[in-house]
Amino acid sequence: MPPFLTVAAYAPPGVGMLGAGIVSEVFDARGQGLPAFDFALCTDRPGRVRTDVGLPLVVDHGLDRLAGADLVIALPWAEFRTPPGPAVREALTAAHARGALVAAHCVGAFALAAAGLLDGRRATTHWRFAGLLAERHPEVTVEPDALYVDEGTVVTGAGAAAGFDLCLHLLRREYGATTANAIARDLVLPSHRDGGQAQYLATPVPEDSRDERLGDVLAWARENLHEPLPVAELARRALMSRRSFARRFAASTGTTPHAWLLGLRLGRAEELLETTELPVEEIARAVGFGSAAVLRAQFVRRRGVPPRAYRRAFSRTP
């Protein structure tokens, strides 16, 4: 199937202004060779819609907008403890049944659960309400720590600004790394955070010189992906023991050095596959996998397709 182009975000009464702003920014028309998304907010009854901060939001489209969208996003809303009405649930299930990609982040996941779209699937939501989602919908496997969970035609994301991670993941999945990275740069966002990364970090901002050293080491690693980059070497450069480095790394990034490096290498490999004609073997060496066989194994495991199939799908070379 072609990538999504028509995007409809459902904004119920009490919709979160942050959530509405995130999807509006990500799927804004940009030009410069980027996808020209047809984006619209929709609601139960078009007109002024109350938001979670009290400011009204004018929404021009009703639920019928969901009927023609390639991507349907259920936005978080203040009264998520009360399930949406039958018309909304039917519109969501009908969109999914006809082949639309359906997504939600934060407590928007409660709307998908109420519509039965999460039954038998893994899902996530804001960590604070993960227990409530699991209690109300025992047929859903809730992963409270994930940034986002991709179940193919249904994708859920964590709370607040993690909506950006969900949207960028969808762009990367459907359009490739180059498009996702270009939009992330435009929004001044990290280009990619793995879905398994922790939602909540105990030290989200640098606290002392150790964090500054860690940042310098991560920047150095990004520029030297062709090197083996063992954890012992990274720890040495950060002037820490290996154990202290691993602990500090997890506290600052929410993941392990190995997982972080793997994601970085795969992301760089995606960009090279999309934008160059370099042989796969050369790309494998350039990003630190050593051989095409290792790159292929990691690509199939993490992306679901071999590198050459990815290149055929997303290549931007003439």
C-alpha atoms as a PDB file:
ATOM      1  CA  MET A   1       0.000   0.000   0.000  1.00  0.00           C
ATOM      2  CA  PRO A   2       1.204   3.588  -0.626  1.00  0.00           C
ATOM      3  CA  PRO A   3       2.166   5.703   2.398  1.00  0.00           C
ATOM      4  CA  PHE A   4      -0.591   7.631   4.134  1.00  0.00           C
ATOM      5  CA  LEU A   5      -1.281  11.109   2.814  1.00  0.00           C
ATOM      6  CA  THR A   6      -4.711  12.088   4.172  1.00  0.00           C
ATOM      7  CA  VAL A   7      -4.564  12.484   7.955  1.00  0.00           C
ATOM      8  CA  ALA A   8      -7.585  13.011  10.227  1.00  0.00           C
ATOM      9  CA  ALA A   9      -7.152  13.646  13.945  1.00  0.00           C
ATOM     10  CA  TYR A  10     -10.208  13.183  16.161  1.00  0.00           C
ATOM     11  CA  ALA A  11     -10.517  16.047  18.642  1.00  0.00           C
ATOM     12  CA  PRO A  12     -13.243  15.345  21.222  1.00  0.00           C
ATOM     13  CA  PRO A  13     -14.585  17.971  23.631  1.00  0.00           C
ATOM     14  CA  GLY A  14     -11.841  18.625  26.175  1.00  0.00           C
ATOM     15  CA  VAL A  15      -9.136  17.737  23.654  1.00  0.00           C
ATOM     16  CA  GLY A  16      -5.561  18.287  24.775  1.00  0.00           C
ATOM     17  CA  MET A  17      -4.078  21.409  23.212  1.00  0.00           C
ATOM     18  CA  LEU A  18      -0.611  19.852  23.278  1.00  0.00           C
ATOM     19  CA  GLY A  19      -1.785  16.746  21.433  1.00  0.00           C
ATOM     20  CA  ALA A  20      -3.631  18.783  18.803  1.00  0.00           C
ATOM     21  CA  GLY A  21      -0.601  21.008  18.370  1.00  0.00           C
ATOM     22  CA  ILE A  22       1.762  18.064  17.927  1.00  0.00           C
ATOM     23  CA  VAL A  23      -0.131  16.430  15.076  1.00  0.00           C
ATOM     24  CA  SER A  24      -0.848  19.791  13.448  1.00  0.00           C
ATOM     25  CA  GLU A  25       2.859  20.646  13.439  1.00  0.00           C
ATOM     26  CA  VAL A  26       4.105  17.257  12.231  1.00  0.00           C
ATOM     27  CA  PHE A  27       1.625  16.959   9.355  1.00  0.00           C
ATOM     28  CA  ASP A  28       1.755  20.610   8.308  1.00  0.00           C
ATOM     29  CA  ALA A  29       2.370  21.373   4.609  1.00  0.00           C
ATOM     30  CA  ARG A  30       6.078  22.131   4.184  1.00  0.00           C
ATOM     31  CA  GLY A  31       7.035  21.823   0.522  1.00  0.00           C
ATOM     32  CA  GLN A  32      10.775  21.332  -0.117  1.00  0.00           C
ATOM     33  CA  GLY A  33      10.155  17.866  -1.514  1.00  0.00           C
ATOM     34  CA  LEU A  34       8.393  16.644   1.635  1.00  0.00           C
ATOM     35  CA  PRO A  35       4.975  14.939   1.575  1.00  0.00           C
ATOM     36  CA  ALA A  36       2.018  17.267   1.059  1.00  0.00           C
ATOM     37  CA  PHE A  37      -0.249  15.929   3.772  1.00  0.00           C
ATOM     38  CA  ASP A  38      -3.946  16.660   3.667  1.00  0.00           C
ATOM     39  CA  PHE A  39      -4.431  17.171   7.400  1.00  0.00           C
ATOM     40  CA  ALA A  40      -7.621  18.038   9.283  1.00  0.00           C
ATOM     41  CA  LEU A  41      -8.986  18.002  12.788  1.00  0.00           C
ATOM     42  CA  CYS A  42     -12.478  16.533  13.169  1.00  0.00           C
ATOM     43  CA  THR A  43     -14.929  16.229  16.022  1.00  0.00           C
ATOM     44  CA  ASP A  44     -18.420  15.028  16.928  1.00  0.00           C
ATOM     45  CA  ARG A  45     -20.065  18.295  15.931  1.00  0.00           C
ATOM     46  CA  PRO A  46     -18.096  20.848  13.878  1.00  0.00           C
ATOM     47  CA  GLY A  47     -17.662  24.239  15.486  1.00  0.00           C
ATOM     48  CA  ARG A  48     -16.062  25.493  18.682  1.00  0.00           C
ATOM     49  CA  VAL A  49     -14.567  22.672  20.699  1.00  0.00           C
ATOM     50  CA  ARG A  50     -13.533  23.117  24.319  1.00  0.00           C
ATOM     51  CA  THR A  51      -9.917  22.198  25.098  1.00  0.00           C
ATOM     52  CA  ASP A  52      -8.230  20.975  28.266  1.00  0.00           C
ATOM     53  CA  VAL A  53      -6.851  24.475  28.945  1.00  0.00           C
ATOM     54  CA  GLY A  54     -10.189  26.232  28.504  1.00  0.00           C
ATOM     55  CA  LEU A  55      -9.416  27.876  25.175  1.00  0.00           C
ATOM     56  CA  PRO A  56     -11.849  27.089  22.357  1.00  0.00           C
ATOM     57  CA  LEU A  57     -10.639  25.396  19.198  1.00  0.00           C
ATOM     58  CA  VAL A  58     -12.560  25.826  15.959  1.00  0.00           C
ATOM     59  CA  VAL A  59     -12.897  22.455  14.202  1.00  0.00           C
ATOM     60  CA  ASP A  60     -14.450  22.494  10.748  1.00  0.00           C
ATOM     61  CA  HIS A  61     -14.962  18.784  10.139  1.00  0.00           C
ATOM     62  CA  GLY A  62     -17.224  16.109  11.586  1.00  0.00           C
ATOM     63  CA  LEU A  63     -16.752  12.364  11.963  1.00  0.00           C
ATOM     64  CA  ASP A  64     -17.353  11.855   8.254  1.00  0.00           C
ATOM     65  CA  ARG A  65     -13.779  13.109   7.726  1.00  0.00           C
ATOM     66  CA  LEU A  66     -12.536   9.842   9.238  1.00  0.00           C
ATOM     67  CA  ALA A  67     -14.158   7.896   6.410  1.00  0.00           C
ATOM     68  CA  GLY A  68     -11.623   8.965   3.797  1.00  0.00           C
ATOM     69  CA  ALA A  69      -8.439   9.290   5.847  1.00  0.00           C
ATOM     70  CA  ASP A  70      -5.381   7.105   5.336  1.00  0.00           C
ATOM     71  CA  LEU A  71      -4.234   7.801   8.895  1.00  0.00           C
ATOM     72  CA  VAL A  72      -6.663   8.337  11.778  1.00  0.00           C
ATOM     73  CA  ILE A  73      -5.320   9.646  15.092  1.00  0.00           C
ATOM     74  CA  ALA A  74      -7.343   9.695  18.316  1.00  0.00           C
ATOM     75  CA  LEU A  75      -6.115  12.660  20.353  1.00  0.00           C
ATOM     76  CA  PRO A  76      -5.988  12.710  24.160  1.00  0.00           C
ATOM     77  CA  TRP A  77      -8.819  14.464  25.973  1.00  0.00           C
ATOM     78  CA  ALA A  78      -9.628  15.518  29.524  1.00  0.00           C
ATOM     79  CA  GLU A  79     -12.688  13.269  30.031  1.00  0.00           C
ATOM     80  CA  PHE A  80     -10.992  10.086  28.811  1.00  0.00           C
ATOM     81  CA  ARG A  81     -12.412   8.131  31.767  1.00  0.00           C
ATOM     82  CA  THR A  82     -15.807   8.390  30.070  1.00  0.00           C
ATOM     83  CA  PRO A  83     -15.826   6.279  26.884  1.00  0.00           C
ATOM     84  CA  PRO A  84     -16.624   8.091  23.619  1.00  0.00           C
ATOM     85  CA  GLY A  85     -20.132   7.699  22.215  1.00  0.00           C
ATOM     86  CA  PRO A  86     -21.269   4.982  19.792  1.00  0.00           C
ATOM     87  CA  ALA A  87     -20.850   7.209  16.720  1.00  0.00           C
ATOM     88  CA  VAL A  88     -17.176   7.806  17.506  1.00  0.00           C
ATOM     89  CA  ARG A  89     -16.479   4.156  18.245  1.00  0.00           C
ATOM     90  CA  GLU A  90     -18.189   3.105  15.025  1.00  0.00           C
ATOM     91  CA  ALA A  91     -16.257   5.684  13.003  1.00  0.00           C
ATOM     92  CA  LEU A  92     -12.936   4.434  14.413  1.00  0.00           C
ATOM     93  CA  THR A  93     -13.711   0.764  13.798  1.00  0.00           C
ATOM     94  CA  ALA A  94     -15.027   1.504  10.304  1.00  0.00           C
ATOM     95  CA  ALA A  95     -11.844   3.405   9.431  1.00  0.00           C
ATOM     96  CA  HIS A  96      -9.711   0.511  10.598  1.00  0.00           C
ATOM     97  CA  ALA A  97     -11.878  -2.061   8.821  1.00  0.00           C
ATOM     98  CA  ARG A  98     -11.471  -0.338   5.460  1.00  0.00           C
ATOM     99  CA  GLY A  99      -7.679  -0.317   5.842  1.00  0.00           C
ATOM    100  CA  ALA A 100      -6.804   2.981   7.499  1.00  0.00           C
ATOM    101  CA  LEU A 101      -3.823   3.133   9.828  1.00  0.00           C
ATOM    102  CA  VAL A 102      -5.199   4.013  13.285  1.00  0.00           C
ATOM    103  CA  ALA A 103      -3.079   5.584  16.013  1.00  0.00           C
ATOM    104  CA  ALA A 104      -3.344   7.335  19.362  1.00  0.00           C
ATOM    105  CA  HIS A 105      -1.005   8.731  21.939  1.00  0.00           C
ATOM    106  CA  CYS A 106      -1.367   9.470  25.622  1.00  0.00           C
ATOM    107  CA  VAL A 107      -4.922   8.830  26.880  1.00  0.00           C
ATOM    108  CA  GLY A 108      -6.206   8.855  23.307  1.00  0.00           C
ATOM    109  CA  ALA A 109      -5.479   5.127  23.575  1.00  0.00           C
ATOM    110  CA  PHE A 110      -8.611   4.846  25.746  1.00  0.00           C
ATOM    111  CA  ALA A 111     -10.737   5.742  22.701  1.00  0.00           C
ATOM    112  CA  LEU A 112      -9.158   2.954  20.652  1.00  0.00           C
ATOM    113  CA  ALA A 113      -9.624   0.530  23.535  1.00  0.00           C
ATOM    114  CA  ALA A 114     -13.292   1.506  23.878  1.00  0.00           C
ATOM    115  CA  ALA A 115     -13.741   0.806  20.164  1.00  0.00           C
ATOM    116  CA  GLY A 116     -12.223  -2.658  20.599  1.00  0.00           C
ATOM    117  CA  LEU A 117      -9.263  -1.871  18.357  1.00  0.00           C
ATOM    118  CA  LEU A 118      -6.721  -2.810  21.027  1.00  0.00           C
ATOM    119  CA  ASP A 119      -8.248  -6.192  21.885  1.00  0.00           C
ATOM    120  CA  GLY A 120      -5.605  -8.887  21.661  1.00  0.00           C
ATOM    121  CA  ARG A 121      -2.916  -6.314  20.951  1.00  0.00           C
ATOM    122  CA  ARG A 122      -0.086  -4.663  22.837  1.00  0.00           C
ATOM    123  CA  ALA A 123      -0.514  -0.970  23.575  1.00  0.00           C
ATOM    124  CA  THR A 124       0.852   1.870  25.654  1.00  0.00           C
ATOM    125  CA  THR A 125      -0.392   5.149  27.081  1.00  0.00           C
ATOM    126  CA  HIS A 126       0.809   7.752  29.560  1.00  0.00           C
ATOM    127  CA  TRP A 127       2.629   5.832  32.318  1.00  0.00           C
ATOM    128  CA  ARG A 128       0.386   7.421  34.951  1.00  0.00           C
ATOM    129  CA  PHE A 129      -2.752   5.842  33.430  1.00  0.00           C
ATOM    130  CA  ALA A 130      -1.336   2.551  32.191  1.00  0.00           C
ATOM    131  CA  GLY A 131      -2.741   0.704  35.193  1.00  0.00           C
ATOM    132  CA  LEU A 132      -6.207   2.121  34.587  1.00  0.00           C
ATOM    133  CA  LEU A 133      -6.099   1.087  30.923  1.00  0.00           C
ATOM    134  CA  ALA A 134      -5.082  -2.445  31.892  1.00  0.00           C
ATOM    135  CA  GLU A 135      -7.781  -2.637  34.579  1.00  0.00           C
ATOM    136  CA  ARG A 136     -10.571  -1.452  32.293  1.00  0.00           C
ATOM    137  CA  HIS A 137      -9.456  -3.456  29.275  1.00  0.00           C
ATOM    138  CA  PRO A 138      -7.902  -6.746  30.437  1.00  0.00           C
ATOM    139  CA  GLU A 139      -7.946  -8.012  26.854  1.00  0.00           C
ATOM    140  CA  VAL A 140      -5.243  -5.431  26.041  1.00  0.00           C
ATOM    141  CA  THR A 141      -1.567  -6.124  26.840  1.00  0.00           C
ATOM    142  CA  VAL A 142      -0.463  -2.786  28.260  1.00  0.00           C
ATOM    143  CA  GLU A 143       3.239  -1.912  28.113  1.00  0.00           C
ATOM    144  CA  PRO A 144       3.516   0.977  30.577  1.00  0.00           C
ATOM    145  CA  ASP A 145       7.159   1.852  29.917  1.00  0.00           C
ATOM    146  CA  ALA A 146       7.209   1.995  26.107  1.00  0.00           C
ATOM    147  CA  LEU A 147       7.367   5.264  24.160  1.00  0.00           C
ATOM    148  CA  TYR A 148       5.227   3.705  21.455  1.00  0.00           C
ATOM    149  CA  VAL A 149       3.978   0.272  20.436  1.00  0.00           C
ATOM    150  CA  ASP A 150       3.602  -0.632  16.779  1.00  0.00           C
ATOM    151  CA  GLU A 151       1.053  -3.373  16.078  1.00  0.00           C
ATOM    152  CA  GLY A 152       0.927  -2.861  12.338  1.00  0.00           C
ATOM    153  CA  THR A 153      -2.398  -1.202  11.569  1.00  0.00           C
ATOM    154  CA  VAL A 154      -2.799   0.073  15.140  1.00  0.00           C
ATOM    155  CA  VAL A 155      -0.064   2.137  16.819  1.00  0.00           C
ATOM    156  CA  THR A 156      -0.157   3.704  20.294  1.00  0.00           C
ATOM    157  CA  GLY A 157       2.182   6.150  21.995  1.00  0.00           C
ATOM    158  CA  ALA A 158       3.007   7.425  25.429  1.00  0.00           C
ATOM    159  CA  GLY A 159       1.945  10.702  26.999  1.00  0.00           C
ATOM    160  CA  ALA A 160       2.574  14.379  26.384  1.00  0.00           C
ATOM    161  CA  ALA A 161       5.459  15.155  24.009  1.00  0.00           C
ATOM    162  CA  ALA A 162       5.918  11.451  23.204  1.00  0.00           C
ATOM    163  CA  GLY A 163       3.250  12.151  20.585  1.00  0.00           C
ATOM    164  CA  PHE A 164       6.119  13.530  18.511  1.00  0.00           C
ATOM    165  CA  ASP A 165       7.918  10.189  18.826  1.00  0.00           C
ATOM    166  CA  LEU A 166       4.796   8.353  17.648  1.00  0.00           C
ATOM    167  CA  CYS A 167       4.323  10.610  14.618  1.00  0.00           C
ATOM    168  CA  LEU A 168       7.999  10.497  13.643  1.00  0.00           C
ATOM    169  CA  HIS A 169       7.939   6.710  13.967  1.00  0.00           C
ATOM    170  CA  LEU A 170       4.980   6.556  11.574  1.00  0.00           C
ATOM    171  CA  LEU A 171       6.790   8.838   9.123  1.00  0.00           C
ATOM    172  CA  ARG A 172       9.943   6.752   9.350  1.00  0.00           C
ATOM    173  CA  ARG A 173       7.987   3.536   8.880  1.00  0.00           C
ATOM    174  CA  GLU A 174       5.951   4.713   5.890  1.00  0.00           C
ATOM    175  CA  TYR A 175       8.198   7.311   4.216  1.00  0.00           C
ATOM    176  CA  GLY A 176      11.690   6.365   5.356  1.00  0.00           C
ATOM    177  CA  ALA A 177      14.379   7.901   7.530  1.00  0.00           C
ATOM    178  CA  THR A 178      15.180  10.838   5.240  1.00  0.00           C
ATOM    179  CA  THR A 179      11.659  12.268   5.383  1.00  0.00           C
ATOM    180  CA  ALA A 180      11.309  11.644   9.117  1.00  0.00           C
ATOM    181  CA  ASN A 181      14.677  13.251   9.819  1.00  0.00           C
ATOM    182  CA  ALA A 182      13.895  16.282   7.641  1.00  0.00           C
ATOM    183  CA  ILE A 183      10.631  16.948   9.488  1.00  0.00           C
ATOM    184  CA  ALA A 184      12.327  16.342  12.842  1.00  0.00           C
ATOM    185  CA  ARG A 185      15.007  18.898  11.956  1.00  0.00           C
ATOM    186  CA  ASP A 186      12.331  21.399  10.962  1.00  0.00           C
ATOM    187  CA  LEU A 187      10.702  20.928  14.365  1.00  0.00           C
ATOM    188  CA  VAL A 188      14.075  20.870  16.199  1.00  0.00           C
ATOM    189  CA  LEU A 189      13.403  17.377  17.549  1.00  0.00           C
ATOM    190  CA  PRO A 190      15.503  14.248  18.014  1.00  0.00           C
ATOM    191  CA  SER A 191      15.140  12.331  14.757  1.00  0.00           C
ATOM    192  CA  HIS A 192      14.430   8.973  16.362  1.00  0.00           C
ATOM    193  CA  ARG A 193      13.852   7.421  19.759  1.00  0.00           C
ATOM    194  CA  ASP A 194      13.270   3.701  19.890  1.00  0.00           C
ATOM    195  CA  GLY A 195       9.817   2.586  20.984  1.00  0.00           C
ATOM    196  CA  GLY A 196      11.253   0.471  23.779  1.00  0.00           C
ATOM    197  CA  GLN A 197      12.943   3.443  25.394  1.00  0.00           C
ATOM    198  CA  ALA A 198      11.639   4.306  28.845  1.00  0.00           C
ATOM    199  CA  GLN A 199       8.915   6.964  29.089  1.00  0.00           C
ATOM    200  CA  TYR A 200      10.150   8.475  32.297  1.00  0.00           C
ATOM    201  CA  LEU A 201      13.752   9.447  32.992  1.00  0.00           C
ATOM    202  CA  ALA A 202      14.907  10.136  36.530  1.00  0.00           C
ATOM    203  CA  THR A 203      17.399  12.755  35.273  1.00  0.00           C
ATOM    204  CA  PRO A 204      15.926  14.275  32.113  1.00  0.00           C
ATOM    205  CA  VAL A 205      18.335  17.217  32.107  1.00  0.00           C
ATOM    206  CA  PRO A 206      22.065  17.336  32.869  1.00  0.00           C
ATOM    207  CA  GLU A 207      22.816  17.660  36.567  1.00  0.00           C
ATOM    208  CA  ASP A 208      26.603  17.887  36.722  1.00  0.00           C
ATOM    209  CA  SER A 209      29.835  17.584  34.773  1.00  0.00           C
ATOM    210  CA  ARG A 210      29.360  13.841  34.324  1.00  0.00           C
ATOM    211  CA  ASP A 211      26.335  14.525  32.135  1.00  0.00           C
ATOM    212  CA  GLU A 212      28.376  17.000  30.088  1.00  0.00           C
ATOM    213  CA  ARG A 213      31.064  14.355  29.595  1.00  0.00           C
ATOM    214  CA  LEU A 214      28.408  11.845  28.637  1.00  0.00           C
ATOM    215  CA  GLY A 215      26.998  14.243  26.046  1.00  0.00           C
ATOM    216  CA  ASP A 216      30.452  14.749  24.549  1.00  0.00           C
ATOM    217  CA  VAL A 217      30.965  10.990  24.317  1.00  0.00           C
ATOM    218  CA  LEU A 218      27.617  10.448  22.608  1.00  0.00           C
ATOM    219  CA  ALA A 219      28.431  13.170  20.077  1.00  0.00           C
ATOM    220  CA  TRP A 220      31.790  11.501  19.417  1.00  0.00           C
ATOM    221  CA  ALA A 221      30.119   8.121  18.968  1.00  0.00           C
ATOM    222  CA  ARG A 222      27.705   9.554  16.386  1.00  0.00           C
ATOM    223  CA  GLU A 223      30.678  10.717  14.321  1.00  0.00           C
ATOM    224  CA  ASN A 224      32.519   7.402  14.613  1.00  0.00           C
ATOM    225  CA  LEU A 225      29.903   4.744  13.921  1.00  0.00           C
ATOM    226  CA  HIS A 226      32.358   2.907  11.671  1.00  0.00           C
ATOM    227  CA  GLU A 227      34.376   2.037  14.795  1.00  0.00           C
ATOM    228  CA  PRO A 228      33.505  -0.941  17.075  1.00  0.00           C
ATOM    229  CA  LEU A 229      32.631   1.430  19.989  1.00  0.00           C
ATOM    230  CA  PRO A 230      32.693  -1.053  22.884  1.00  0.00           C
ATOM    231  CA  VAL A 231      31.110   0.143  26.118  1.00  0.00           C
ATOM    232  CA  ALA A 232      34.503   0.014  27.832  1.00  0.00           C
ATOM    233  CA  GLU A 233      35.855   2.578  25.345  1.00  0.00           C
ATOM    234  CA  LEU A 234      32.859   4.868  25.774  1.00  0.00           C
ATOM    235  CA  ALA A 235      33.182   4.657  29.553  1.00  0.00           C
ATOM    236  CA  ARG A 236      36.897   5.466  29.343  1.00  0.00           C
ATOM    237  CA  ARG A 237      36.193   8.557  27.275  1.00  0.00           C
ATOM    238  CA  ALA A 238      33.561   9.640  29.806  1.00  0.00           C
ATOM    239  CA  LEU A 239      36.105   9.173  32.640  1.00  0.00           C
ATOM    240  CA  MET A 240      33.823   6.659  34.354  1.00  0.00           C
ATOM    241  CA  SER A 241      33.935   3.028  35.305  1.00  0.00           C
ATOM    242  CA  ARG A 242      31.975   0.750  32.984  1.00  0.00           C
ATOM    243  CA  ARG A 243      29.323   0.170  35.666  1.00  0.00           C
ATOM    244  CA  SER A 244      28.953   3.875  36.451  1.00  0.00           C
ATOM    245  CA  PHE A 245      28.772   4.691  32.755  1.00  0.00           C
ATOM    246  CA  ALA A 246      26.008   2.151  32.121  1.00  0.00           C
ATOM    247  CA  ARG A 247      24.032   3.448  35.085  1.00  0.00           C
ATOM    248  CA  ARG A 248      24.468   7.095  34.073  1.00  0.00           C
ATOM    249  CA  PHE A 249      23.646   6.276  30.465  1.00  0.00           C
ATOM    250  CA  ALA A 250      20.373   4.581  31.404  1.00  0.00           C
ATOM    251  CA  ALA A 251      19.392   7.449  33.705  1.00  0.00           C
ATOM    252  CA  SER A 252      20.041  10.029  30.988  1.00  0.00           C
ATOM    253  CA  THR A 253      18.706   8.228  27.917  1.00  0.00           C
ATOM    254  CA  GLY A 254      16.286   5.582  29.194  1.00  0.00           C
ATOM    255  CA  THR A 255      18.084   2.793  27.350  1.00  0.00           C
ATOM    256  CA  THR A 256      21.340   0.830  27.278  1.00  0.00           C
ATOM    257  CA  PRO A 257      24.505   1.795  25.377  1.00  0.00           C
ATOM    258  CA  HIS A 258      24.116  -1.280  23.170  1.00  0.00           C
ATOM    259  CA  ALA A 259      20.497  -0.503  22.247  1.00  0.00           C
ATOM    260  CA  TRP A 260      21.325   3.173  21.653  1.00  0.00           C
ATOM    261  CA  LEU A 261      24.207   2.342  19.332  1.00  0.00           C
ATOM    262  CA  LEU A 262      22.163  -0.258  17.477  1.00  0.00           C
ATOM    263  CA  GLY A 263      19.384   2.243  16.826  1.00  0.00           C
ATOM    264  CA  LEU A 264      21.892   4.867  15.698  1.00  0.00           C
ATOM    265  CA  ARG A 265      23.573   2.445  13.301  1.00  0.00           C
ATOM    266  CA  LEU A 266      20.290   1.268  11.819  1.00  0.00           C
ATOM    267  CA  GLY A 267      19.119   4.857  11.379  1.00  0.00           C
ATOM    268  CA  ARG A 268      22.309   5.844   9.578  1.00  0.00           C
ATOM    269  CA  ALA A 269      22.077   2.731   7.413  1.00  0.00           C
ATOM    270  CA  GLU A 270      18.520   3.718   6.448  1.00  0.00           C
ATOM    271  CA  GLU A 271      19.677   7.170   5.361  1.00  0.00           C
ATOM    272  CA  LEU A 272      22.506   5.748   3.255  1.00  0.00           C
ATOM    273  CA  LEU A 273      20.207   3.188   1.630  1.00  0.00           C
ATOM    274  CA  GLU A 274      17.744   5.948   0.750  1.00  0.00           C
ATOM    275  CA  THR A 275      20.111   8.648  -0.442  1.00  0.00           C
ATOM    276  CA  THR A 276      23.128   6.853  -1.960  1.00  0.00           C
ATOM    277  CA  GLU A 277      23.922   4.005  -4.319  1.00  0.00           C
ATOM    278  CA  LEU A 278      26.641   2.614  -2.056  1.00  0.00           C
ATOM    279  CA  PRO A 279      26.779  -1.194  -1.991  1.00  0.00           C
ATOM    280  CA  VAL A 280      25.169  -2.772   1.059  1.00  0.00           C
ATOM    281  CA  GLU A 281      28.529  -4.206   2.104  1.00  0.00           C
ATOM    282  CA  GLU A 282      30.072  -0.718   2.132  1.00  0.00           C
ATOM    283  CA  ILE A 283      27.133   0.710   4.089  1.00  0.00           C
ATOM    284  CA  ALA A 284      27.478  -2.088   6.641  1.00  0.00           C
ATOM    285  CA  ARG A 285      31.124  -1.163   7.236  1.00  0.00           C
ATOM    286  CA  ALA A 286      30.375   2.571   7.321  1.00  0.00           C
ATOM    287  CA  VAL A 287      27.852   2.194  10.162  1.00  0.00           C
ATOM    288  CA  GLY A 288      29.840  -0.336  12.184  1.00  0.00           C
ATOM    289  CA  PHE A 289      28.136  -3.659  11.403  1.00  0.00           C
ATOM    290  CA  GLY A 290      31.225  -5.043   9.691  1.00  0.00           C
ATOM    291  CA  SER A 291      29.495  -7.127   7.037  1.00  0.00           C
ATOM    292  CA  ALA A 292      26.382  -7.133   4.872  1.00  0.00           C
ATOM    293  CA  ALA A 293      25.232 -10.336   6.563  1.00  0.00           C
ATOM    294  CA  VAL A 294      25.203  -8.709  10.015  1.00  0.00           C
ATOM    295  CA  LEU A 295      23.433  -5.608   8.668  1.00  0.00           C
ATOM    296  CA  ARG A 296      20.852  -7.783   6.943  1.00  0.00           C
ATOM    297  CA  ALA A 297      20.174  -9.813  10.109  1.00  0.00           C
ATOM    298  CA  GLN A 298      19.708  -6.681  12.214  1.00  0.00           C
ATOM    299  CA  PHE A 299      17.592  -4.992   9.534  1.00  0.00           C
ATOM    300  CA  VAL A 300      15.252  -7.947   9.192  1.00  0.00           C
ATOM    301  CA  ARG A 301      14.950  -8.284  12.949  1.00  0.00           C
ATOM    302  CA  ARG A 302      14.349  -4.604  13.683  1.00  0.00           C
ATOM    303  CA  ARG A 303      12.730  -3.290  10.481  1.00  0.00           C
ATOM    304  CA  GLY A 304      11.068  -6.435   9.152  1.00  0.00           C
ATOM    305  CA  VAL A 305      12.659  -6.276   5.700  1.00  0.00           C
ATOM    306  CA  PRO A 306      16.186  -6.814   4.295  1.00  0.00           C
ATOM    307  CA  PRO A 307      18.260  -3.750   3.327  1.00  0.00           C
ATOM    308  CA  ARG A 308      17.752  -4.156  -0.432  1.00  0.00           C
ATOM    309  CA  ALA A 309      13.972  -4.311  -0.047  1.00  0.00           C
ATOM    310  CA  TYR A 310      14.122  -1.178   2.124  1.00  0.00           C
ATOM    311  CA  ARG A 311      16.166   0.569  -0.567  1.00  0.00           C
ATOM    312  CA  ARG A 312      13.651  -0.360  -3.272  1.00  0.00           C
ATOM    313  CA  ALA A 313      10.824   1.054  -1.151  1.00  0.00           C
ATOM    314  CA  PHE A 314      12.454   4.325  -0.048  1.00  0.00           C
ATOM    315  CA  SER A 315      15.332   5.114  -2.425  1.00  0.00           C
ATOM    316  CA  ARG A 316      15.597   8.781  -3.374  1.00  0.00           C
ATOM    317  CA  THR A 317      18.350   8.299  -5.933  1.00  0.00           C
ATOM    318  CA  PRO A 318      17.471   8.689  -9.634  1.00  0.00           C
END
